Amino acid sequence: MVYYGAFCQSALSPLMGRVNAYVMRWMRKKFKRLRGRKKAQSAWNQAVARRTRFFAQWAWTTHAPRV
């Protein structure tokens, strides 16, 4: 991420969004209480606020994907 991001960060943005979407989909399937989109998005926002460096892509894109 650091190498390619130094040259063309905009090219990595869709990839980071897709990784976030996969993480969100996994989270919604694993935890029954997060099956609803609004609950999952609020849990996502709380997790990103609490642990900003938990996943490397959260340093660049922190928005909750629409999955």
PDB file of N, CA and C in Angstrom:
ATOM      1  N   MET A   1       0.824  -1.190   0.000  1.00  0.00           N
ATOM      2  CA  MET A   1       0.000   0.000   0.000  1.00  0.00           C
ATOM      3  C   MET A   1       0.866   1.250   0.000  1.00  0.00           C
ATOM      4  N   VAL A   2       1.928   1.218   0.747  1.00  0.00           N
ATOM      5  CA  VAL A   2       2.764   2.408   0.843  1.00  0.00           C
ATOM      6  C   VAL A   2       3.441   2.683  -0.487  1.00  0.00           C
ATOM      7  N   TYR A   3       3.931   1.640  -1.139  1.00  0.00           N
ATOM      8  CA  TYR A   3       4.650   1.833  -2.399  1.00  0.00           C
ATOM      9  C   TYR A   3       3.712   2.354  -3.486  1.00  0.00           C
ATOM     10  N   TYR A   4       2.602   1.654  -3.746  1.00  0.00           N
ATOM     11  CA  TYR A   4       1.679   2.076  -4.795  1.00  0.00           C
ATOM     12  C   TYR A   4       0.922   3.339  -4.418  1.00  0.00           C
ATOM     13  N   GLY A   5       0.669   3.515  -3.140  1.00  0.00           N
ATOM     14  CA  GLY A   5      -0.030   4.704  -2.684  1.00  0.00           C
ATOM     15  C   GLY A   5       0.786   5.966  -2.853  1.00  0.00           C
ATOM     16  N   ALA A   6       2.088   5.835  -2.857  1.00  0.00           N
ATOM     17  CA  ALA A   6       2.947   7.008  -3.051  1.00  0.00           C
ATOM     18  C   ALA A   6       2.826   7.547  -4.474  1.00  0.00           C
ATOM     19  N   PHE A   7       2.546   6.677  -5.424  1.00  0.00           N
ATOM     20  CA  PHE A   7       2.479   7.093  -6.822  1.00  0.00           C
ATOM     21  C   PHE A   7       1.066   7.391  -7.292  1.00  0.00           C
ATOM     22  N   CYS A   8       0.132   6.538  -6.912  1.00  0.00           N
ATOM     23  CA  CYS A   8      -1.240   6.712  -7.409  1.00  0.00           C
ATOM     24  C   CYS A   8      -2.233   6.193  -6.362  1.00  0.00           C
ATOM     25  N   GLN A   9      -2.493   7.020  -5.376  1.00  0.00           N
ATOM     26  CA  GLN A   9      -3.392   6.615  -4.293  1.00  0.00           C
ATOM     27  C   GLN A   9      -4.826   6.456  -4.791  1.00  0.00           C
ATOM     28  N   SER A  10      -5.200   7.215  -5.799  1.00  0.00           N
ATOM     29  CA  SER A  10      -6.568   7.124  -6.301  1.00  0.00           C
ATOM     30  C   SER A  10      -6.848   5.768  -6.950  1.00  0.00           C
ATOM     31  N   ALA A  11      -5.822   5.098  -7.448  1.00  0.00           N
ATOM     32  CA  ALA A  11      -6.020   3.775  -8.030  1.00  0.00           C
ATOM     33  C   ALA A  11      -6.270   2.724  -6.952  1.00  0.00           C
ATOM     34  N   LEU A  12      -5.779   2.952  -5.757  1.00  0.00           N
ATOM     35  CA  LEU A  12      -5.983   2.001  -4.666  1.00  0.00           C
ATOM     36  C   LEU A  12      -7.308   2.197  -3.943  1.00  0.00           C
ATOM     37  N   SER A  13      -7.940   3.320  -4.143  1.00  0.00           N
ATOM     38  CA  SER A  13      -9.177   3.611  -3.422  1.00  0.00           C
ATOM     39  C   SER A  13     -10.284   2.584  -3.691  1.00  0.00           C
ATOM     40  N   PRO A  14     -10.548   2.191  -4.943  1.00  0.00           N
ATOM     41  CA  PRO A  14     -11.576   1.153  -5.153  1.00  0.00           C
ATOM     42  C   PRO A  14     -11.215  -0.186  -4.521  1.00  0.00           C
ATOM     43  N   LEU A  15      -9.937  -0.517  -4.539  1.00  0.00           N
ATOM     44  CA  LEU A  15      -9.498  -1.762  -3.924  1.00  0.00           C
ATOM     45  C   LEU A  15      -9.716  -1.737  -2.414  1.00  0.00           C
ATOM     46  N   MET A  16      -9.391  -0.627  -1.780  1.00  0.00           N
ATOM     47  CA  MET A  16      -9.597  -0.501  -0.339  1.00  0.00           C
ATOM     48  C   MET A  16     -11.084  -0.546   0.002  1.00  0.00           C
ATOM     49  N   GLY A  17     -11.906   0.042  -0.842  1.00  0.00           N
ATOM     50  CA  GLY A  17     -13.354  -0.024  -0.633  1.00  0.00           C
ATOM     51  C   GLY A  17     -13.875  -1.442  -0.729  1.00  0.00           C
ATOM     52  N   ARG A  18     -13.311  -2.219  -1.652  1.00  0.00           N
ATOM     53  CA  ARG A  18     -13.730  -3.609  -1.800  1.00  0.00           C
ATOM     54  C   ARG A  18     -13.312  -4.442  -0.594  1.00  0.00           C
ATOM     55  N   VAL A  19     -12.112  -4.210  -0.098  1.00  0.00           N
ATOM     56  CA  VAL A  19     -11.657  -4.932   1.101  1.00  0.00           C
ATOM     57  C   VAL A  19     -12.557  -4.587   2.281  1.00  0.00           C
ATOM     58  N   ASN A  20     -12.905  -3.319   2.419  1.00  0.00           N
ATOM     59  CA  ASN A  20     -13.824  -2.917   3.487  1.00  0.00           C
ATOM     60  C   ASN A  20     -15.183  -3.584   3.321  1.00  0.00           C
ATOM     61  N   ALA A  21     -15.638  -3.729   2.091  1.00  0.00           N
ATOM     62  CA  ALA A  21     -16.925  -4.391   1.839  1.00  0.00           C
ATOM     63  C   ALA A  21     -16.864  -5.858   2.247  1.00  0.00           C
ATOM     64  N   TYR A  22     -15.751  -6.526   1.964  1.00  0.00           N
ATOM     65  CA  TYR A  22     -15.605  -7.916   2.382  1.00  0.00           C
ATOM     66  C   TYR A  22     -15.601  -8.042   3.897  1.00  0.00           C
ATOM     67  N   VAL A  23     -14.937  -7.132   4.575  1.00  0.00           N
ATOM     68  CA  VAL A  23     -14.909  -7.164   6.036  1.00  0.00           C
ATOM     69  C   VAL A  23     -16.309  -6.912   6.600  1.00  0.00           C
ATOM     70  N   MET A  24     -17.023  -5.964   6.011  1.00  0.00           N
ATOM     71  CA  MET A  24     -18.392  -5.677   6.460  1.00  0.00           C
ATOM     72  C   MET A  24     -19.301  -6.885   6.225  1.00  0.00           C
ATOM     73  N   ARG A  25     -19.178  -7.529   5.081  1.00  0.00           N
ATOM     74  CA  ARG A  25     -20.008  -8.697   4.793  1.00  0.00           C
ATOM     75  C   ARG A  25     -19.712  -9.826   5.778  1.00  0.00           C
ATOM     76  N   TRP A  26     -18.443 -10.037   6.095  1.00  0.00           N
ATOM     77  CA  TRP A  26     -18.072 -11.061   7.057  1.00  0.00           C
ATOM     78  C   TRP A  26     -18.650 -10.738   8.432  1.00  0.00           C
ATOM     79  N   MET A  27     -18.561  -9.470   8.814  1.00  0.00           N
ATOM     80  CA  MET A  27     -19.047  -9.041  10.115  1.00  0.00           C
ATOM     81  C   MET A  27     -20.553  -9.265  10.231  1.00  0.00           C
ATOM     82  N   ARG A  28     -21.280  -8.970   9.165  1.00  0.00           N
ATOM     83  CA  ARG A  28     -22.738  -9.132   9.208  1.00  0.00           C
ATOM     84  C   ARG A  28     -23.145 -10.595   9.224  1.00  0.00           C
ATOM     85  N   LYS A  29     -22.361 -11.461   8.596  1.00  0.00           N
ATOM     86  CA  LYS A  29     -22.678 -12.887   8.617  1.00  0.00           C
ATOM     87  C   LYS A  29     -22.293 -13.534   9.940  1.00  0.00           C
ATOM     88  N   LYS A  30     -21.220 -13.077  10.552  1.00  0.00           N
ATOM     89  CA  LYS A  30     -20.741 -13.690  11.789  1.00  0.00           C
ATOM     90  C   LYS A  30     -21.597 -13.324  12.989  1.00  0.00           C
ATOM     91  N   PHE A  31     -21.979 -12.066  13.103  1.00  0.00           N
ATOM     92  CA  PHE A  31     -22.718 -11.598  14.277  1.00  0.00           C
ATOM     93  C   PHE A  31     -24.180 -11.348  13.907  1.00  0.00           C
ATOM     94  N   LYS A  32     -25.075 -12.121  14.495  1.00  0.00           N
ATOM     95  CA  LYS A  32     -26.494 -12.014  14.152  1.00  0.00           C
ATOM     96  C   LYS A  32     -27.076 -10.652  14.488  1.00  0.00           C
ATOM     97  N   ARG A  33     -26.555 -10.021  15.535  1.00  0.00           N
ATOM     98  CA  ARG A  33     -27.104  -8.724  15.937  1.00  0.00           C
ATOM     99  C   ARG A  33     -26.777  -7.623  14.935  1.00  0.00           C
ATOM    100  N   LEU A  34     -25.837  -7.878  14.017  1.00  0.00           N
ATOM    101  CA  LEU A  34     -25.444  -6.876  13.023  1.00  0.00           C
ATOM    102  C   LEU A  34     -26.004  -7.188  11.637  1.00  0.00           C
ATOM    103  N   ARG A  35     -27.042  -8.004  11.555  1.00  0.00           N
ATOM    104  CA  ARG A  35     -27.602  -8.352  10.255  1.00  0.00           C
ATOM    105  C   ARG A  35     -28.227  -7.146   9.563  1.00  0.00           C
ATOM    106  N   GLY A  36     -28.799  -6.245  10.333  1.00  0.00           N
ATOM    107  CA  GLY A  36     -29.383  -5.041   9.751  1.00  0.00           C
ATOM    108  C   GLY A  36     -28.300  -4.064   9.312  1.00  0.00           C
ATOM    109  N   ARG A  37     -28.565  -3.342   8.238  1.00  0.00           N
ATOM    110  CA  ARG A  37     -27.549  -2.438   7.679  1.00  0.00           C
ATOM    111  C   ARG A  37     -27.224  -1.288   8.614  1.00  0.00           C
ATOM    112  N   LYS A  38     -28.246  -0.717   9.264  1.00  0.00           N
ATOM    113  CA  LYS A  38     -28.002   0.422  10.151  1.00  0.00           C
ATOM    114  C   LYS A  38     -27.192   0.023  11.376  1.00  0.00           C
ATOM    115  N   LYS A  39     -27.496  -1.120  11.942  1.00  0.00           N
ATOM    116  CA  LYS A  39     -26.731  -1.590  13.095  1.00  0.00           C
ATOM    117  C   LYS A  39     -25.297  -1.913  12.698  1.00  0.00           C
ATOM    118  N   ALA A  40     -25.129  -2.508  11.532  1.00  0.00           N
ATOM    119  CA  ALA A  40     -23.784  -2.847  11.064  1.00  0.00           C
ATOM    120  C   ALA A  40     -22.979  -1.577  10.791  1.00  0.00           C
ATOM    121  N   GLN A  41     -23.622  -0.568  10.209  1.00  0.00           N
ATOM    122  CA  GLN A  41     -22.898   0.670   9.936  1.00  0.00           C
ATOM    123  C   GLN A  41     -22.505   1.397  11.221  1.00  0.00           C
ATOM    124  N   SER A  42     -23.366   1.391  12.210  1.00  0.00           N
ATOM    125  CA  SER A  42     -23.007   2.049  13.458  1.00  0.00           C
ATOM    126  C   SER A  42     -21.883   1.285  14.162  1.00  0.00           C
ATOM    127  N   ALA A  43     -21.918  -0.046  14.113  1.00  0.00           N
ATOM    128  CA  ALA A  43     -20.828  -0.841  14.689  1.00  0.00           C
ATOM    129  C   ALA A  43     -19.532  -0.596  13.933  1.00  0.00           C
ATOM    130  N   TRP A  44     -19.627  -0.453  12.611  1.00  0.00           N
ATOM    131  CA  TRP A  44     -18.446  -0.168  11.780  1.00  0.00           C
ATOM    132  C   TRP A  44     -17.836   1.172  12.174  1.00  0.00           C
ATOM    133  N   ASN A  45     -18.671   2.183  12.291  1.00  0.00           N
ATOM    134  CA  ASN A  45     -18.173   3.516  12.642  1.00  0.00           C
ATOM    135  C   ASN A  45     -17.532   3.527  14.029  1.00  0.00           C
ATOM    136  N   GLN A  46     -18.112   2.801  14.970  1.00  0.00           N
ATOM    137  CA  GLN A  46     -17.532   2.719  16.300  1.00  0.00           C
ATOM    138  C   GLN A  46     -16.180   2.001  16.273  1.00  0.00           C
ATOM    139  N   ALA A  47     -16.095   0.930  15.502  1.00  0.00           N
ATOM    140  CA  ALA A  47     -14.837   0.180  15.422  1.00  0.00           C
ATOM    141  C   ALA A  47     -13.739   1.013  14.780  1.00  0.00           C
ATOM    142  N   VAL A  48     -14.080   1.752  13.741  1.00  0.00           N
ATOM    143  CA  VAL A  48     -13.082   2.591  13.074  1.00  0.00           C
ATOM    144  C   VAL A  48     -12.639   3.723  13.988  1.00  0.00           C
ATOM    145  N   ALA A  49     -13.557   4.285  14.747  1.00  0.00           N
ATOM    146  CA  ALA A  49     -13.200   5.372  15.662  1.00  0.00           C
ATOM    147  C   ALA A  49     -12.315   4.868  16.804  1.00  0.00           C
ATOM    148  N   ARG A  50     -12.616   3.665  17.299  1.00  0.00           N
ATOM    149  CA  ARG A  50     -11.849   3.120  18.413  1.00  0.00           C
ATOM    150  C   ARG A  50     -10.477   2.620  17.994  1.00  0.00           C
ATOM    151  N   ARG A  51     -10.434   1.903  16.876  1.00  0.00           N
ATOM    152  CA  ARG A  51      -9.182   1.275  16.431  1.00  0.00           C
ATOM    153  C   ARG A  51      -8.847   1.738  15.024  1.00  0.00           C
ATOM    154  N   THR A  52      -8.269   2.900  14.906  1.00  0.00           N
ATOM    155  CA  THR A  52      -8.012   3.466  13.580  1.00  0.00           C
ATOM    156  C   THR A  52      -6.950   2.702  12.799  1.00  0.00           C
ATOM    157  N   ARG A  53      -6.072   1.996  13.470  1.00  0.00           N
ATOM    158  CA  ARG A  53      -5.010   1.251  12.788  1.00  0.00           C
ATOM    159  C   ARG A  53      -5.229  -0.263  12.826  1.00  0.00           C
ATOM    160  N   PHE A  54      -6.453  -0.717  13.070  1.00  0.00           N
ATOM    161  CA  PHE A  54      -6.731  -2.143  13.164  1.00  0.00           C
ATOM    162  C   PHE A  54      -6.491  -2.828  11.830  1.00  0.00           C
ATOM    163  N   PHE A  55      -6.974  -2.247  10.751  1.00  0.00           N
ATOM    164  CA  PHE A  55      -6.683  -2.696   9.392  1.00  0.00           C
ATOM    165  C   PHE A  55      -5.913  -1.589   8.695  1.00  0.00           C
ATOM    166  N   ALA A  56      -4.982  -1.962   7.854  1.00  0.00           N
ATOM    167  CA  ALA A  56      -4.117  -0.968   7.206  1.00  0.00           C
ATOM    168  C   ALA A  56      -4.908  -0.027   6.310  1.00  0.00           C
ATOM    169  N   GLN A  57      -5.959  -0.516   5.664  1.00  0.00           N
ATOM    170  CA  GLN A  57      -6.710   0.340   4.742  1.00  0.00           C
ATOM    171  C   GLN A  57      -7.557   1.380   5.464  1.00  0.00           C
ATOM    172  N   TRP A  58      -7.778   1.221   6.775  1.00  0.00           N
ATOM    173  CA  TRP A  58      -8.560   2.209   7.509  1.00  0.00           C
ATOM    174  C   TRP A  58      -7.818   3.525   7.660  1.00  0.00           C
ATOM    175  N   ALA A  59      -6.534   3.533   7.445  1.00  0.00           N
ATOM    176  CA  ALA A  59      -5.784   4.793   7.493  1.00  0.00           C
ATOM    177  C   ALA A  59      -6.179   5.688   6.323  1.00  0.00           C
ATOM    178  N   TRP A  60      -6.648   5.088   5.227  1.00  0.00           N
ATOM    179  CA  TRP A  60      -7.008   5.870   4.030  1.00  0.00           C
ATOM    180  C   TRP A  60      -8.507   5.989   3.836  1.00  0.00           C
ATOM    181  N   THR A  61      -9.239   4.885   3.984  1.00  0.00           N
ATOM    182  CA  THR A  61     -10.685   4.922   3.775  1.00  0.00           C
ATOM    183  C   THR A  61     -11.363   4.381   5.027  1.00  0.00           C
ATOM    184  N   THR A  62     -12.190   5.194   5.650  1.00  0.00           N
ATOM    185  CA  THR A  62     -12.863   4.767   6.874  1.00  0.00           C
ATOM    186  C   THR A  62     -14.380   4.710   6.715  1.00  0.00           C
ATOM    187  N   HIS A  63     -14.901   5.030   5.539  1.00  0.00           N
ATOM    188  CA  HIS A  63     -16.352   5.037   5.381  1.00  0.00           C
ATOM    189  C   HIS A  63     -16.889   3.621   5.380  1.00  0.00           C
ATOM    190  N   ALA A  64     -18.107   3.480   5.855  1.00  0.00           N
ATOM    191  CA  ALA A  64     -18.749   2.166   5.904  1.00  0.00           C
ATOM    192  C   ALA A  64     -19.258   1.819   4.507  1.00  0.00           C
ATOM    193  N   PRO A  65     -18.894   0.656   3.999  1.00  0.00           N
ATOM    194  CA  PRO A  65     -19.345   0.263   2.662  1.00  0.00           C
ATOM    195  C   PRO A  65     -20.824  -0.076   2.664  1.00  0.00           C
ATOM    196  N   ARG A  66     -21.435   0.012   1.515  1.00  0.00           N
ATOM    197  CA  ARG A  66     -22.857  -0.328   1.377  1.00  0.00           C
ATOM    198  C   ARG A  66     -22.983  -1.770   0.904  1.00  0.00           C
ATOM    199  N   VAL A  67     -22.980  -2.665   1.881  1.00  0.00           N
ATOM    200  CA  VAL A  67     -23.099  -4.097   1.567  1.00  0.00           C
ATOM    201  C   VAL A  67     -24.324  -4.638   2.246  1.00  0.00           C
TER     202      VAL A  67
END
